[in-house]
PDB file of N, CA and C in Angstrom:
ATOM      1  N   GLY A   1      69.605  11.038  69.821  1.00  0.00           N
ATOM      2  CA  GLY A   1      69.257  11.120  68.460  1.00  0.00           C
ATOM      3  C   GLY A   1      68.677   9.818  67.935  1.00  0.00           C
ATOM      4  N   TYR A   2      69.061   9.542  66.723  1.00  0.00           N
ATOM      5  CA  TYR A   2      68.508   8.382  66.024  1.00  0.00           C
ATOM      6  C   TYR A   2      68.883   7.056  66.688  1.00  0.00           C
ATOM      7  N   MET A   3      70.103   6.935  67.168  1.00  0.00           N
ATOM      8  CA  MET A   3      70.521   5.661  67.762  1.00  0.00           C
ATOM      9  C   MET A   3      69.750   5.374  69.044  1.00  0.00           C
ATOM     10  N   THR A   4      69.519   6.393  69.860  1.00  0.00           N
ATOM     11  CA  THR A   4      68.742   6.198  71.084  1.00  0.00           C
ATOM     12  C   THR A   4      67.322   5.760  70.741  1.00  0.00           C
ATOM     13  N   GLU A   5      66.733   6.411  69.757  1.00  0.00           N
ATOM     14  CA  GLU A   5      65.375   6.059  69.339  1.00  0.00           C
ATOM     15  C   GLU A   5      65.311   4.634  68.808  1.00  0.00           C
ATOM     16  N   ALA A   6      66.285   4.248  68.007  1.00  0.00           N
ATOM     17  CA  ALA A   6      66.321   2.898  67.442  1.00  0.00           C
ATOM     18  C   ALA A   6      66.543   1.844  68.529  1.00  0.00           C
ATOM     19  N   ALA A   7      67.479   2.095  69.430  1.00  0.00           N
ATOM     20  CA  ALA A   7      67.760   1.132  70.503  1.00  0.00           C
ATOM     21  C   ALA A   7      66.560   0.983  71.431  1.00  0.00           C
ATOM     22  N   ALA A   8      65.881   2.081  71.731  1.00  0.00           N
ATOM     23  CA  ALA A   8      64.694   2.017  72.600  1.00  0.00           C
ATOM     24  C   ALA A   8      63.578   1.226  71.926  1.00  0.00           C
ATOM     25  N   ALA A   9      63.351   1.472  70.642  1.00  0.00           N
ATOM     26  CA  ALA A   9      62.300   0.757  69.921  1.00  0.00           C
ATOM     27  C   ALA A   9      62.608  -0.738  69.829  1.00  0.00           C
ATOM     28  N   LEU A  10      63.844  -1.067  69.513  1.00  0.00           N
ATOM     29  CA  LEU A  10      64.223  -2.474  69.365  1.00  0.00           C
ATOM     30  C   LEU A  10      64.160  -3.224  70.695  1.00  0.00           C
ATOM     31  N   SER A  11      64.689  -2.636  71.761  1.00  0.00           N
ATOM     32  CA  SER A  11      64.665  -3.322  73.054  1.00  0.00           C
ATOM     33  C   SER A  11      63.242  -3.421  73.587  1.00  0.00           C
ATOM     34  N   GLY A  12      62.429  -2.387  73.382  1.00  0.00           N
ATOM     35  CA  GLY A  12      61.030  -2.443  73.804  1.00  0.00           C
ATOM     36  C   GLY A  12      60.259  -3.511  73.052  1.00  0.00           C
ATOM     37  N   TRP A  13      60.494  -3.597  71.742  1.00  0.00           N
ATOM     38  CA  TRP A  13      59.852  -4.637  70.936  1.00  0.00           C
ATOM     39  C   TRP A  13      60.296  -6.019  71.401  1.00  0.00           C
ATOM     40  N   ALA A  14      61.587  -6.186  71.649  1.00  0.00           N
ATOM     41  CA  ALA A  14      62.118  -7.501  72.026  1.00  0.00           C
ATOM     42  C   ALA A  14      61.487  -8.020  73.306  1.00  0.00           C
ATOM     43  N   VAL A  15      61.381  -7.174  74.336  1.00  0.00           N
ATOM     44  CA  VAL A  15      60.813  -7.661  75.605  1.00  0.00           C
ATOM     45  C   VAL A  15      59.303  -7.851  75.523  1.00  0.00           C
ATOM     46  N   SER A  16      58.675  -7.369  74.459  1.00  0.00           N
ATOM     47  CA  SER A  16      57.237  -7.606  74.294  1.00  0.00           C
ATOM     48  C   SER A  16      56.956  -8.942  73.617  1.00  0.00           C
ATOM     49  N   GLN A  17      58.003  -9.628  73.153  1.00  0.00           N
ATOM     50  CA  GLN A  17      57.840 -10.915  72.488  1.00  0.00           C
ATOM     51  C   GLN A  17      57.655 -12.026  73.519  1.00  0.00           C
ATOM     52  N   PRO A  18      56.861 -13.029  73.184  1.00  0.00           N
ATOM     53  CA  PRO A  18      56.640 -14.129  74.122  1.00  0.00           C
ATOM     54  C   PRO A  18      57.957 -14.795  74.537  1.00  0.00           C
ATOM     55  N   GLY A  19      58.119 -14.976  75.824  1.00  0.00           N
ATOM     56  CA  GLY A  19      59.290 -15.668  76.358  1.00  0.00           C
ATOM     57  C   GLY A  19      60.523 -14.811  76.559  1.00  0.00           C
ATOM     58  N   VAL A  20      60.500 -13.568  76.115  1.00  0.00           N
ATOM     59  CA  VAL A  20      61.666 -12.694  76.273  1.00  0.00           C
ATOM     60  C   VAL A  20      61.461 -11.814  77.500  1.00  0.00           C
ATOM     61  N   LYS A  21      62.383 -11.905  78.454  1.00  0.00           N
ATOM     62  CA  LYS A  21      62.274 -11.114  79.679  1.00  0.00           C
ATOM     63  C   LYS A  21      63.321 -10.022  79.765  1.00  0.00           C
ATOM     64  N   THR A  22      64.474 -10.242  79.145  1.00  0.00           N
ATOM     65  CA  THR A  22      65.551  -9.254  79.189  1.00  0.00           C
ATOM     66  C   THR A  22      66.270  -9.182  77.847  1.00  0.00           C
ATOM     67  N   VAL A  23      66.919  -8.050  77.635  1.00  0.00           N
ATOM     68  CA  VAL A  23      67.769  -7.841  76.466  1.00  0.00           C
ATOM     69  C   VAL A  23      69.130  -7.428  77.005  1.00  0.00           C
ATOM     70  N   ARG A  24      70.172  -7.960  76.435  1.00  0.00           N
ATOM     71  CA  ARG A  24      71.532  -7.588  76.864  1.00  0.00           C
ATOM     72  C   ARG A  24      72.281  -6.921  75.732  1.00  0.00           C
ATOM     73  N   ALA A  25      73.171  -6.022  76.116  1.00  0.00           N
ATOM     74  CA  ALA A  25      74.019  -5.312  75.161  1.00  0.00           C
ATOM     75  C   ALA A  25      75.423  -5.227  75.746  1.00  0.00           C
ATOM     76  N   GLN A  26      76.397  -5.144  74.881  1.00  0.00           N
ATOM     77  CA  GLN A  26      77.789  -5.068  75.317  1.00  0.00           C
ATOM     78  C   GLN A  26      78.454  -3.892  74.611  1.00  0.00           C
ATOM     79  N   THR A  27      79.192  -3.079  75.378  1.00  0.00           N
ATOM     80  CA  THR A  27      79.896  -1.930  74.820  1.00  0.00           C
ATOM     81  C   THR A  27      81.328  -1.907  75.347  1.00  0.00           C
ATOM     82  N   ALA A  28      82.178  -1.221  74.633  1.00  0.00           N
ATOM     83  CA  ALA A  28      83.535  -0.983  75.121  1.00  0.00           C
ATOM     84  C   ALA A  28      83.469   0.084  76.209  1.00  0.00           C
ATOM     85  N   ARG A  29      84.264  -0.087  77.236  1.00  0.00           N
ATOM     86  CA  ARG A  29      84.282   0.900  78.318  1.00  0.00           C
ATOM     87  C   ARG A  29      84.678   2.284  77.790  1.00  0.00           C
ATOM     88  N   ASP A  30      85.533   2.310  76.796  1.00  0.00           N
ATOM     89  CA  ASP A  30      86.009   3.595  76.272  1.00  0.00           C
ATOM     90  C   ASP A  30      85.118   4.150  75.152  1.00  0.00           C
ATOM     91  N   ASN A  31      83.832   3.767  75.160  1.00  0.00           N
ATOM     92  CA  ASN A  31      82.867   4.284  74.193  1.00  0.00           C
ATOM     93  C   ASN A  31      81.703   4.926  74.959  1.00  0.00           C
ATOM     94  N   PRO A  32      81.917   6.119  75.513  1.00  0.00           N
ATOM     95  CA  PRO A  32      80.890   6.736  76.353  1.00  0.00           C
ATOM     96  C   PRO A  32      79.599   7.060  75.606  1.00  0.00           C
ATOM     97  N   ALA A  33      79.674   7.307  74.307  1.00  0.00           N
ATOM     98  CA  ALA A  33      78.454   7.611  73.553  1.00  0.00           C
ATOM     99  C   ALA A  33      77.509   6.407  73.535  1.00  0.00           C
ATOM    100  N   SER A  34      78.047   5.222  73.299  1.00  0.00           N
ATOM    101  CA  SER A  34      77.214   4.017  73.304  1.00  0.00           C
ATOM    102  C   SER A  34      76.673   3.725  74.704  1.00  0.00           C
ATOM    103  N   CYS A  35      77.497   3.944  75.712  1.00  0.00           N
ATOM    104  CA  CYS A  35      77.042   3.740  77.094  1.00  0.00           C
ATOM    105  C   CYS A  35      75.886   4.674  77.416  1.00  0.00           C
ATOM    106  N   ARG A  36      75.978   5.913  76.984  1.00  0.00           N
ATOM    107  CA  ARG A  36      74.926   6.899  77.255  1.00  0.00           C
ATOM    108  C   ARG A  36      73.632   6.533  76.536  1.00  0.00           C
ATOM    109  N   VAL A  37      73.725   6.029  75.308  1.00  0.00           N
ATOM    110  CA  VAL A  37      72.529   5.588  74.585  1.00  0.00           C
ATOM    111  C   VAL A  37      71.810   4.509  75.390  1.00  0.00           C
ATOM    112  N   LEU A  38      72.558   3.529  75.872  1.00  0.00           N
ATOM    113  CA  LEU A  38      71.939   2.446  76.636  1.00  0.00           C
ATOM    114  C   LEU A  38      71.333   2.957  77.942  1.00  0.00           C
ATOM    115  N   GLU A  39      72.020   3.856  78.622  1.00  0.00           N
ATOM    116  CA  GLU A  39      71.480   4.436  79.859  1.00  0.00           C
ATOM    117  C   GLU A  39      70.164   5.153  79.588  1.00  0.00           C
ATOM    118  N   LYS A  40      70.114   5.939  78.520  1.00  0.00           N
ATOM    119  CA  LYS A  40      68.898   6.679  78.191  1.00  0.00           C
ATOM    120  C   LYS A  40      67.745   5.743  77.829  1.00  0.00           C
ATOM    121  N   CYS A  41      68.055   4.555  77.348  1.00  0.00           N
ATOM    122  CA  CYS A  41      67.024   3.579  76.984  1.00  0.00           C
ATOM    123  C   CYS A  41      66.578   2.727  78.172  1.00  0.00           C
ATOM    124  N   GLY A  42      67.187   2.918  79.336  1.00  0.00           N
ATOM    125  CA  GLY A  42      66.780   2.168  80.520  1.00  0.00           C
ATOM    126  C   GLY A  42      67.588   0.924  80.811  1.00  0.00           C
ATOM    127  N   PHE A  43      68.704   0.744  80.102  1.00  0.00           N
ATOM    128  CA  PHE A  43      69.574  -0.399  80.397  1.00  0.00           C
ATOM    129  C   PHE A  43      70.319  -0.137  81.696  1.00  0.00           C
ATOM    130  N   ARG A  44      70.615  -1.215  82.421  1.00  0.00           N
ATOM    131  CA  ARG A  44      71.396  -1.139  83.659  1.00  0.00           C
ATOM    132  C   ARG A  44      72.721  -1.868  83.451  1.00  0.00           C
ATOM    133  N   LEU A  45      73.789  -1.292  83.958  1.00  0.00           N
ATOM    134  CA  LEU A  45      75.104  -1.937  83.892  1.00  0.00           C
ATOM    135  C   LEU A  45      75.108  -3.102  84.875  1.00  0.00           C
ATOM    136  N   ILE A  46      75.424  -4.303  84.381  1.00  0.00           N
ATOM    137  CA  ILE A  46      75.403  -5.463  85.270  1.00  0.00           C
ATOM    138  C   ILE A  46      76.767  -6.117  85.477  1.00  0.00           C
ATOM    139  N   ARG A  47      77.724  -5.866  84.573  1.00  0.00           N
ATOM    140  CA  ARG A  47      79.011  -6.551  84.728  1.00  0.00           C
ATOM    141  C   ARG A  47      80.081  -5.894  83.860  1.00  0.00           C
ATOM    142  N   THR A  48      81.321  -5.991  84.305  1.00  0.00           N
ATOM    143  CA  THR A  48      82.479  -5.577  83.520  1.00  0.00           C
ATOM    144  C   THR A  48      83.213  -6.841  83.093  1.00  0.00           C
ATOM    145  N   LEU A  49      83.571  -6.895  81.810  1.00  0.00           N
ATOM    146  CA  LEU A  49      84.221  -8.078  81.251  1.00  0.00           C
ATOM    147  C   LEU A  49      85.555  -7.696  80.615  1.00  0.00           C
ATOM    148  N   PRO A  50      86.514  -8.614  80.585  1.00  0.00           N
ATOM    149  CA  PRO A  50      87.742  -8.326  79.841  1.00  0.00           C
ATOM    150  C   PRO A  50      87.437  -8.361  78.346  1.00  0.00           C
ATOM    151  N   ALA A  51      87.990  -7.434  77.605  1.00  0.00           N
ATOM    152  CA  ALA A  51      87.786  -7.406  76.153  1.00  0.00           C
ATOM    153  C   ALA A  51      88.583  -8.532  75.516  1.00  0.00           C
ATOM    154  N   PRO A  52      87.964  -9.328  74.669  1.00  0.00           N
ATOM    155  CA  PRO A  52      88.673 -10.467  74.080  1.00  0.00           C
ATOM    156  C   PRO A  52      89.751 -10.072  73.074  1.00  0.00           C
ATOM    157  N   SER A  53      89.629  -8.885  72.488  1.00  0.00           N
ATOM    158  CA  SER A  53      90.549  -8.534  71.413  1.00  0.00           C
ATOM    159  C   SER A  53      91.696  -7.617  71.824  1.00  0.00           C
ATOM    160  N   GLN A  54      91.610  -7.025  73.023  1.00  0.00           N
ATOM    161  CA  GLN A  54      92.654  -6.088  73.430  1.00  0.00           C
ATOM    162  C   GLN A  54      93.101  -6.383  74.868  1.00  0.00           C
ATOM    163  N   LYS A  55      94.392  -6.433  75.042  1.00  0.00           N
ATOM    164  CA  LYS A  55      94.940  -6.651  76.376  1.00  0.00           C
ATOM    165  C   LYS A  55      94.659  -5.422  77.236  1.00  0.00           C
ATOM    166  N   ASP A  56      94.269  -5.633  78.464  1.00  0.00           N
ATOM    167  CA  ASP A  56      93.989  -4.584  79.452  1.00  0.00           C
ATOM    168  C   ASP A  56      92.776  -3.716  79.107  1.00  0.00           C
ATOM    169  N   ALA A  57      91.958  -4.118  78.139  1.00  0.00           N
ATOM    170  CA  ALA A  57      90.739  -3.364  77.820  1.00  0.00           C
ATOM    171  C   ALA A  57      89.548  -4.046  78.488  1.00  0.00           C
ATOM    172  N   GLU A  58      88.496  -3.278  78.699  1.00  0.00           N
ATOM    173  CA  GLU A  58      87.300  -3.830  79.335  1.00  0.00           C
ATOM    174  C   GLU A  58      86.070  -3.524  78.496  1.00  0.00           C
ATOM    175  N   GLU A  59      85.106  -4.411  78.614  1.00  0.00           N
ATOM    176  CA  GLU A  59      83.813  -4.195  77.997  1.00  0.00           C
ATOM    177  C   GLU A  59      82.753  -4.214  79.090  1.00  0.00           C
ATOM    178  N   LEU A  60      81.647  -3.542  78.830  1.00  0.00           N
ATOM    179  CA  LEU A  60      80.574  -3.442  79.806  1.00  0.00           C
ATOM    180  C   LEU A  60      79.368  -4.219  79.304  1.00  0.00           C
ATOM    181  N   LEU A  61      78.739  -4.965  80.201  1.00  0.00           N
ATOM    182  CA  LEU A  61      77.549  -5.735  79.872  1.00  0.00           C
ATOM    183  C   LEU A  61      76.350  -5.043  80.505  1.00  0.00           C
ATOM    184  N   TRP A  62      75.348  -4.751  79.683  1.00  0.00           N
ATOM    185  CA  TRP A  62      74.151  -4.025  80.091  1.00  0.00           C
ATOM    186  C   TRP A  62      72.933  -4.925  79.957  1.00  0.00           C
ATOM    187  N   GLU A  63      71.890  -4.635  80.755  1.00  0.00           N
ATOM    188  CA  GLU A  63      70.664  -5.424  80.678  1.00  0.00           C
ATOM    189  C   GLU A  63      69.443  -4.510  80.729  1.00  0.00           C
ATOM    190  N   TYR A  64      68.454  -4.856  79.916  1.00  0.00           N
ATOM    191  CA  TYR A  64      67.183  -4.133  79.878  1.00  0.00           C
ATOM    192  C   TYR A  64      66.081  -5.126  80.175  1.00  0.00           C
ATOM    193  N   GLY A  65      65.237  -4.777  81.142  1.00  0.00           N
ATOM    194  CA  GLY A  65      64.157  -5.676  81.511  1.00  0.00           C
ATOM    195  C   GLY A  65      62.795  -5.068  81.300  1.00  0.00           C
ATOM    196  N   GLY A  66      62.704  -4.078  80.448  1.00  0.00           N
ATOM    197  CA  GLY A  66      61.423  -3.431  80.206  1.00  0.00           C
ATOM    198  C   GLY A  66      61.189  -2.300  81.172  1.00  0.00           C
ATOM    199  N   PRO A  67      60.068  -1.632  81.031  1.00  0.00           N
ATOM    200  CA  PRO A  67      59.769  -0.503  81.914  1.00  0.00           C
ATOM    201  C   PRO A  67      59.624  -0.954  83.361  1.00  0.00           C
ATOM    202  N   ALA A  68      60.005  -0.083  84.260  1.00  0.00           N
ATOM    203  CA  ALA A  68      59.841  -0.395  85.686  1.00  0.00           C
ATOM    204  C   ALA A  68      58.352  -0.490  86.012  1.00  0.00           C
ATOM    205  N   PRO A  69      57.972  -1.419  86.871  1.00  0.00           N
ATOM    206  CA  PRO A  69      56.554  -1.544  87.225  1.00  0.00           C
ATOM    207  C   PRO A  69      56.059  -0.311  87.973  1.00  0.00           C
ATOM    208  N   VAL A  70      54.830   0.048  87.735  1.00  0.00           N
ATOM    209  CA  VAL A  70      54.223   1.181  88.430  1.00  0.00           C
ATOM    210  C   VAL A  70      53.658   0.664  89.746  1.00  0.00           C
ATOM    211  N   VAL A  71      54.066   1.302  90.849  1.00  0.00           N
ATOM    212  CA  VAL A  71      53.627   0.847  92.184  1.00  0.00           C
ATOM    213  C   VAL A  71      52.620   1.813  92.750  1.00  0.00           C
TER     214      VAL A  71
END
């Protein structure tokens, strides 16, 4: 829906700016809707981090590097 469209537009715009090669996003592991939005926008999961505010919780770090090159 709207969030996927907004995230795709913002991340696409960001990597088109001079000097910007990647965009990173962080989500809670227990927030599958946000994870799915990032997946649909082309973000890749790169790392799992401990959540700073909750004991035994994890957060996910995602990265977007623009569209895949056409080969």
